[in-house]
Amino acid sequence: MNKFTPAKPAGARSVDEITGSRRLRRMRKADWSRRLVQENRLSVDDLIWPIFIIDGENRREAIPAMPGVFRLSIDLAVKEAERAAKLGIPAIATFPNVEMGLRDQTGAHILEPDNLINRATRAFKAAVPEIGIITDVALDPFTSHGHDGILRGGTIVNDETVAQVAAAAVLQAAAGSDIIAPSDMMDGRIGAIRDALDDNGFQDVAIMSYATKFASAFYGPYREAIGTQGLLKGDKKTYYIDHANSDEAVREAEQDLAEGADMLMVKPGLPYLDIIRRLKDEFRVPTFAYQVSGEYSMIKAAGANGWIDGEKAMLESLLAFKRAGCDGILTYFAPEVAEMLKG
């Protein structure tokens, strides 16, 4: 059988003529050359591990919507913090699942110096002083209605909430928190927290602002983890940012920096890579993303069903944050990725 060779059309240019001899595949031809020109890399130094805390001793509760993630009593959480430190993870972020009997309309239990989150911080600092501790002062784990602020007459009251979260920040700093990360999205909270910390001698405690926290459908598994899923009435659109808006997100970030934020966070993460890039380009400050529970659970579920390679998708998603400009990532994948990078 004769082999057919298509004739070159008259006047057709060669590939070298078309590209000007700029063949971009040259540096993709081998593993060594791809590594040589790789623009972004993921390291353990990029990871922050969110951990869920519950009361009691020797308690480990699975979270069905988040395979591989558990609620942990403080004693077991301390062991996980020790493991994180050995893996080189720089910091953990703690989130409490508070007993229902301690929740009320105003989230007043956040002002108890010996509440669950503060006891956990003291335990972490006693056992693993070298690891950073990040705590949130939003009221949703402490309210009976699941909102991030104080609810009065069907409205989340801004200024009263700000006063309460600022007071809570001082208590968390006194317990040993290194970074206060307020996620409540109340106007003026960053400046009020900065003033309260400084006035009480905590000038070295930093603020990582959830500057651009969007009203998102990706938070569901997290709300199951902290026990607010069945409590929330309505939505949080009066204080979280509309997910259609990017200019508004930039204005929020600018305001928080003016009030004293040391770092910015974008939440959720992967659907908002454009916001990360805008903030990094605009402000040139440490910028973080929270790969939230819904993002984690989608990758886990698809991987478990064989629809995607879960491990590769995990790594690709995290590297996407670095490419977008992130200095670090809050991710439930942190220990898994740290083990892989160590290997």
Protein backbone atom coordinates (compact mmCIF):
# COMPACT_ATOMS: atom_id res chain seq x y z
CA MET A 1 0.00 0.00 0.00
CA ASN A 2 1.37 3.37 -0.99
CA LYS A 3 1.83 5.81 1.86
CA PHE A 4 -0.07 9.02 1.22
CA THR A 5 1.90 12.20 1.79
CA PRO A 6 -0.20 15.33 1.52
CA ALA A 7 1.29 17.88 -0.81
CA LYS A 8 2.36 21.17 0.63
CA PRO A 9 -0.03 23.80 -0.73
CA ALA A 10 1.59 26.38 -2.90
CA GLY A 11 2.72 29.32 -0.83
CA ALA A 12 2.13 27.56 2.51
CA ARG A 13 4.55 28.59 5.25
CA SER A 14 6.51 26.17 7.39
CA VAL A 15 5.94 26.04 11.16
CA ASP A 16 9.27 27.82 11.68
CA GLU A 17 8.13 30.58 9.35
CA ILE A 18 4.80 30.84 11.18
CA THR A 19 6.32 30.96 14.68
CA GLY A 20 9.48 32.85 13.79
CA SER A 21 11.34 29.75 15.06
CA ARG A 22 9.87 30.36 18.53
CA ARG A 23 8.84 26.80 19.39
CA LEU A 24 7.41 26.98 22.90
CA ARG A 25 7.41 23.22 23.33
CA ARG A 26 11.20 23.11 23.45
CA MET A 27 11.34 23.55 27.23
CA ARG A 28 8.52 21.05 27.79
CA LYS A 29 10.34 18.15 26.13
CA ALA A 30 11.78 16.57 29.30
CA ASP A 31 11.12 16.42 33.02
CA TRP A 32 14.38 18.20 33.83
CA SER A 33 13.65 21.12 31.51
CA ARG A 34 10.08 21.47 32.75
CA ARG A 35 11.38 21.64 36.31
CA LEU A 36 14.04 24.14 35.30
CA VAL A 37 11.49 26.69 34.05
CA GLN A 38 8.63 26.01 36.46
CA GLU A 39 7.32 29.40 37.61
CA ASN A 40 5.50 28.48 40.81
CA ARG A 41 6.09 25.84 43.46
CA LEU A 42 4.15 24.59 46.45
CA SER A 43 6.00 24.05 49.71
CA VAL A 44 5.02 23.13 53.24
CA ASP A 45 5.67 26.76 54.18
CA ASP A 46 2.55 27.71 52.20
CA LEU A 47 0.19 25.65 54.36
CA ILE A 48 -2.14 26.57 57.20
CA TRP A 49 -4.18 23.71 58.65
CA PRO A 50 -7.74 24.42 59.89
CA ILE A 51 -8.69 22.17 62.84
CA PHE A 52 -12.10 21.68 64.46
CA ILE A 53 -12.22 21.51 68.27
CA ILE A 54 -14.81 19.91 70.58
CA ASP A 55 -15.08 19.57 74.35
CA GLY A 56 -14.23 16.39 76.24
CA GLU A 57 -11.30 14.01 76.25
CA ASN A 58 -10.10 11.46 73.70
CA ARG A 59 -12.92 12.37 71.31
CA ARG A 60 -12.57 12.11 67.54
CA GLU A 61 -15.77 12.68 65.55
CA ALA A 62 -15.89 12.12 61.80
CA ILE A 63 -17.51 14.83 59.69
CA PRO A 64 -19.47 12.92 57.02
CA ALA A 65 -19.38 15.73 54.47
CA MET A 66 -15.60 16.11 54.84
CA PRO A 67 -13.94 12.70 54.47
CA GLY A 68 -10.70 12.51 56.44
CA VAL A 69 -11.52 15.55 58.61
CA PHE A 70 -12.50 15.20 62.27
CA ARG A 71 -13.69 17.20 65.23
CA LEU A 72 -11.10 16.67 67.95
CA SER A 73 -11.05 17.12 71.69
CA ILE A 74 -8.21 19.35 72.86
CA ASP A 75 -5.95 16.47 73.93
CA LEU A 76 -6.14 14.86 70.49
CA ALA A 77 -5.89 18.23 68.72
CA VAL A 78 -2.63 18.87 70.58
CA LYS A 79 -1.23 15.62 69.16
CA GLU A 80 -2.23 16.76 65.68
CA ALA A 81 -0.54 20.10 66.29
CA GLU A 82 2.60 18.24 67.28
CA ARG A 83 2.37 16.24 64.05
CA ALA A 84 1.88 19.45 62.06
CA ALA A 85 5.00 20.97 63.62
CA LYS A 86 7.06 17.88 62.78
CA LEU A 87 5.85 18.11 59.18
CA GLY A 88 6.91 21.75 59.05
CA ILE A 89 3.41 23.25 58.75
CA PRO A 90 3.87 26.82 60.02
CA ALA A 91 0.44 27.42 61.57
CA ILE A 92 -2.93 25.96 62.45
CA ALA A 93 -6.29 27.74 62.50
CA THR A 94 -8.77 26.58 65.12
CA PHE A 95 -12.57 26.50 64.93
CA PRO A 96 -14.74 25.37 67.86
CA ASN A 97 -17.92 23.32 67.85
CA VAL A 98 -19.47 24.79 70.98
CA GLU A 99 -22.07 22.89 73.01
CA MET A 100 -25.59 24.04 72.16
CA GLY A 101 -26.36 24.93 75.76
CA LEU A 102 -23.63 27.57 75.67
CA ARG A 103 -24.97 29.35 72.58
CA ASP A 104 -27.35 32.30 72.71
CA GLN A 105 -28.66 35.20 70.62
CA THR A 106 -25.58 37.35 71.22
CA GLY A 107 -22.81 34.73 71.27
CA ALA A 108 -21.84 35.92 74.74
CA HIS A 109 -19.81 32.77 75.50
CA ILE A 110 -17.05 34.08 73.23
CA LEU A 111 -16.29 36.51 76.08
CA GLU A 112 -15.62 33.67 78.53
CA PRO A 113 -11.83 33.59 79.07
CA ASP A 114 -11.91 29.84 79.61
CA ASN A 115 -14.08 28.93 76.63
CA LEU A 116 -13.21 26.09 74.30
CA ILE A 117 -11.21 28.10 71.78
CA ASN A 118 -9.08 29.80 74.45
CA ARG A 119 -8.41 26.56 76.33
CA ALA A 120 -7.31 24.98 73.06
CA THR A 121 -4.95 27.86 72.32
CA ARG A 122 -3.33 27.61 75.75
CA ALA A 123 -2.91 23.86 75.33
CA PHE A 124 -1.32 24.26 71.89
CA LYS A 125 1.09 26.91 73.10
CA ALA A 126 2.10 24.83 76.12
CA ALA A 127 2.77 21.71 74.05
CA VAL A 128 3.93 23.12 70.70
CA PRO A 129 5.12 26.70 71.26
CA GLU A 130 6.84 26.82 67.88
CA ILE A 131 3.66 26.54 65.82
CA GLY A 132 1.57 29.58 64.93
CA ILE A 133 -2.01 29.75 66.23
CA ILE A 134 -4.68 31.58 64.25
CA THR A 135 -8.09 32.20 65.83
CA ASP A 136 -11.34 33.66 64.54
CA VAL A 137 -13.54 36.05 66.52
CA ALA A 138 -16.70 35.65 64.41
CA LEU A 139 -19.68 34.81 66.58
CA ASP A 140 -21.29 32.03 64.50
CA PRO A 141 -19.94 29.11 66.60
CA PHE A 142 -21.32 30.85 69.69
CA THR A 143 -24.77 32.05 68.54
CA SER A 144 -28.00 30.09 68.70
CA HIS A 145 -28.98 31.34 65.23
CA GLY A 146 -25.72 30.60 63.35
CA HIS A 147 -25.05 34.16 62.24
CA ASP A 148 -21.63 35.81 62.59
CA GLY A 149 -22.98 38.74 64.59
CA ILE A 150 -25.52 39.75 67.20
CA LEU A 151 -29.09 39.37 65.96
CA ARG A 152 -31.69 41.90 67.11
CA GLY A 153 -35.11 42.22 65.53
CA GLY A 154 -34.09 40.20 62.52
CA THR A 155 -31.03 42.39 61.86
CA ILE A 156 -27.35 41.70 62.43
CA VAL A 157 -26.33 44.79 64.40
CA ASN A 158 -22.94 46.00 63.24
CA ASP A 159 -21.54 48.24 65.98
CA GLU A 160 -22.54 46.09 68.94
CA THR A 161 -21.02 43.07 67.19
CA VAL A 162 -17.80 44.98 66.54
CA ALA A 163 -17.44 45.85 70.22
CA GLN A 164 -17.92 42.20 71.16
CA VAL A 165 -15.49 40.74 68.64
CA ALA A 166 -12.86 43.31 69.65
CA ALA A 167 -13.20 42.24 73.29
CA ALA A 168 -13.02 38.59 72.24
CA ALA A 169 -9.83 39.29 70.28
CA VAL A 170 -8.13 40.54 73.45
CA LEU A 171 -9.11 37.35 75.30
CA GLN A 172 -7.82 35.19 72.43
CA ALA A 173 -4.55 37.11 72.36
CA ALA A 174 -4.22 36.69 76.12
CA ALA A 175 -4.65 32.93 75.67
CA GLY A 176 -1.73 32.90 73.22
CA SER A 177 -3.20 33.45 69.76
CA ASP A 178 -0.57 34.76 67.35
CA ILE A 179 -2.95 35.97 64.64
CA ILE A 180 -6.53 37.16 65.00
CA ALA A 181 -8.47 36.37 61.82
CA PRO A 182 -11.92 37.99 61.99
CA SER A 183 -14.32 36.48 59.46
CA ASP A 184 -17.53 38.27 60.48
CA MET A 185 -17.34 41.01 57.80
CA MET A 186 -18.69 43.76 60.08
CA ASP A 187 -17.76 47.32 59.10
CA GLY A 188 -14.95 48.74 61.25
CA ARG A 189 -14.00 45.50 62.94
CA ILE A 190 -10.33 45.58 61.90
CA GLY A 191 -9.68 49.03 63.35
CA ALA A 192 -11.57 48.21 66.54
CA ILE A 193 -9.62 44.96 67.01
CA ARG A 194 -6.29 46.69 66.32
CA ASP A 195 -7.08 49.39 68.89
CA ALA A 196 -8.19 46.83 71.47
CA LEU A 197 -5.09 44.69 71.01
CA ASP A 198 -2.75 47.67 71.19
CA ASP A 199 -4.48 49.15 74.23
CA ASN A 200 -4.05 45.86 76.08
CA GLY A 201 -0.37 45.32 75.28
CA PHE A 202 -0.75 42.96 72.32
CA GLN A 203 0.96 45.09 69.70
CA ASP A 204 2.74 42.02 68.31
CA VAL A 205 -0.44 40.05 67.64
CA ALA A 206 -1.18 40.25 63.92
CA ILE A 207 -4.49 40.53 62.09
CA MET A 208 -5.30 38.39 59.07
CA SER A 209 -8.45 39.95 57.70
CA TYR A 210 -11.07 37.89 55.94
CA ALA A 211 -11.27 41.01 53.82
CA THR A 212 -13.17 39.44 50.94
CA LYS A 213 -15.50 36.80 52.31
CA PHE A 214 -18.17 36.10 49.74
CA ALA A 215 -21.77 34.94 50.14
CA SER A 216 -21.05 31.48 48.78
CA ALA A 217 -22.61 28.05 48.38
CA PHE A 218 -19.29 26.39 49.23
CA TYR A 219 -19.52 26.68 53.05
CA GLY A 220 -22.00 23.87 53.73
CA PRO A 221 -19.66 21.15 55.09
CA TYR A 222 -17.95 23.70 57.38
CA ARG A 223 -21.29 24.61 58.91
CA GLU A 224 -21.87 20.93 59.61
CA ALA A 225 -18.43 20.76 61.24
CA ILE A 226 -19.08 23.61 63.70
CA GLY A 227 -22.72 22.70 64.29
CA THR A 228 -24.47 25.70 62.73
CA GLN A 229 -25.99 24.06 59.65
CA GLY A 230 -29.42 23.48 61.16
CA LEU A 231 -29.44 26.77 63.08
CA LEU A 232 -29.05 29.34 60.34
CA LYS A 233 -32.22 31.16 59.38
CA GLY A 234 -32.04 33.07 56.11
CA ASP A 235 -28.63 33.88 54.66
CA LYS A 236 -25.62 36.10 55.28
CA LYS A 237 -25.97 38.38 52.29
CA THR A 238 -26.34 41.54 54.38
CA TYR A 239 -22.71 41.26 55.50
CA TYR A 240 -20.85 38.88 53.14
CA ILE A 241 -19.88 40.19 49.68
CA ASP A 242 -22.04 39.46 46.64
CA HIS A 243 -20.16 36.84 44.64
CA ALA A 244 -20.84 38.84 41.46
CA ASN A 245 -18.68 41.75 42.67
CA SER A 246 -14.94 42.24 42.39
CA ASP A 247 -14.59 46.04 42.71
CA GLU A 248 -16.42 45.83 46.03
CA ALA A 249 -13.93 43.20 47.19
CA VAL A 250 -11.05 45.55 46.39
CA ARG A 251 -12.72 48.35 48.37
CA GLU A 252 -13.20 46.02 51.37
CA ALA A 253 -9.53 45.02 51.26
CA GLU A 254 -8.39 48.64 50.97
CA GLN A 255 -10.50 49.61 53.97
CA ASP A 256 -9.20 46.76 56.12
CA LEU A 257 -5.60 47.62 55.31
CA ALA A 258 -6.27 51.25 56.21
CA GLU A 259 -7.68 50.10 59.55
CA GLY A 260 -4.58 48.03 60.38
CA ALA A 261 -4.82 44.57 58.79
CA ASP A 262 -1.43 42.90 58.35
CA MET A 263 -2.62 40.29 55.86
CA LEU A 264 -5.57 39.74 53.55
CA MET A 265 -7.57 36.58 52.96
CA VAL A 266 -9.89 35.62 50.13
CA LYS A 267 -12.67 33.14 50.94
CA PRO A 268 -13.65 30.87 49.20
CA GLY A 269 -10.54 30.19 47.19
CA LEU A 270 -10.60 28.48 43.81
CA PRO A 271 -13.72 30.22 42.40
CA TYR A 272 -12.11 33.57 43.31
CA LEU A 273 -8.62 33.36 41.81
CA ASP A 274 -9.34 36.60 39.97
CA ILE A 275 -9.87 38.37 43.30
CA ILE A 276 -6.59 37.00 44.67
CA ARG A 277 -4.73 38.29 41.64
CA ARG A 278 -6.38 41.72 41.85
CA LEU A 279 -5.57 42.13 45.53
CA LYS A 280 -1.98 41.02 45.13
CA ASP A 281 -1.41 43.33 42.18
CA GLU A 282 -3.19 46.25 43.82
CA PHE A 283 -1.79 46.15 47.37
CA ARG A 284 1.37 43.99 47.36
CA VAL A 285 0.72 42.71 50.89
CA PRO A 286 0.71 39.13 52.22
CA THR A 287 -2.35 37.53 50.64
CA PHE A 288 -3.93 34.22 51.59
CA ALA A 289 -6.80 32.06 50.37
CA TYR A 290 -9.07 29.70 52.26
CA GLN A 291 -9.71 26.54 50.26
CA VAL A 292 -13.05 26.06 51.95
CA SER A 293 -14.91 22.92 52.94
CA GLY A 294 -16.99 22.70 49.77
CA GLU A 295 -13.87 22.86 47.60
CA TYR A 296 -12.22 20.14 49.70
CA SER A 297 -15.28 17.90 49.69
CA MET A 298 -15.79 18.14 45.92
CA ILE A 299 -12.24 16.95 45.25
CA LYS A 300 -12.54 14.20 47.86
CA ALA A 301 -15.89 12.98 46.53
CA ALA A 302 -14.82 12.99 42.89
CA GLY A 303 -11.59 11.24 43.77
CA ALA A 304 -13.37 8.59 45.85
CA ASN A 305 -15.69 7.85 42.92
CA GLY A 306 -12.84 7.56 40.45
CA TRP A 307 -14.06 10.52 38.40
CA ILE A 308 -10.76 12.37 38.82
CA ASP A 309 -7.33 11.63 40.20
CA GLY A 310 -7.93 13.11 43.64
CA GLU A 311 -4.27 13.50 44.54
CA LYS A 312 -3.36 15.28 41.32
CA ALA A 313 -6.45 17.50 41.54
CA MET A 314 -5.54 18.42 45.12
CA LEU A 315 -2.03 19.48 44.12
CA GLU A 316 -3.22 21.29 40.99
CA SER A 317 -5.77 23.27 42.97
CA LEU A 318 -3.20 24.32 45.56
CA LEU A 319 -0.65 25.33 42.96
CA ALA A 320 -3.36 27.44 41.29
CA PHE A 321 -3.46 29.57 44.44
CA LYS A 322 0.27 30.14 44.23
CA ARG A 323 0.00 31.06 40.55
CA ALA A 324 -2.74 33.57 41.37
CA GLY A 325 -0.45 35.29 43.90
CA CYS A 326 -1.11 33.64 47.25
CA ASP A 327 1.55 33.69 49.96
CA GLY A 328 -0.24 30.89 51.79
CA ILE A 329 -3.33 28.69 51.79
CA LEU A 330 -5.68 27.53 54.52
CA THR A 331 -6.52 24.00 53.46
CA TYR A 332 -7.84 20.80 55.01
CA PHE A 333 -5.38 19.01 52.73
CA ALA A 334 -2.45 20.47 54.70
CA PRO A 335 -1.22 17.32 56.50
CA GLU A 336 -1.71 15.14 53.44
CA VAL A 337 0.21 17.56 51.23
CA ALA A 338 2.92 18.05 53.85
CA GLU A 339 3.47 14.29 54.01
CA MET A 340 3.77 14.15 50.23
CA LEU A 341 6.19 17.07 50.07
CA LYS A 342 8.28 15.53 52.83
CA GLY A 343 8.44 12.30 50.89
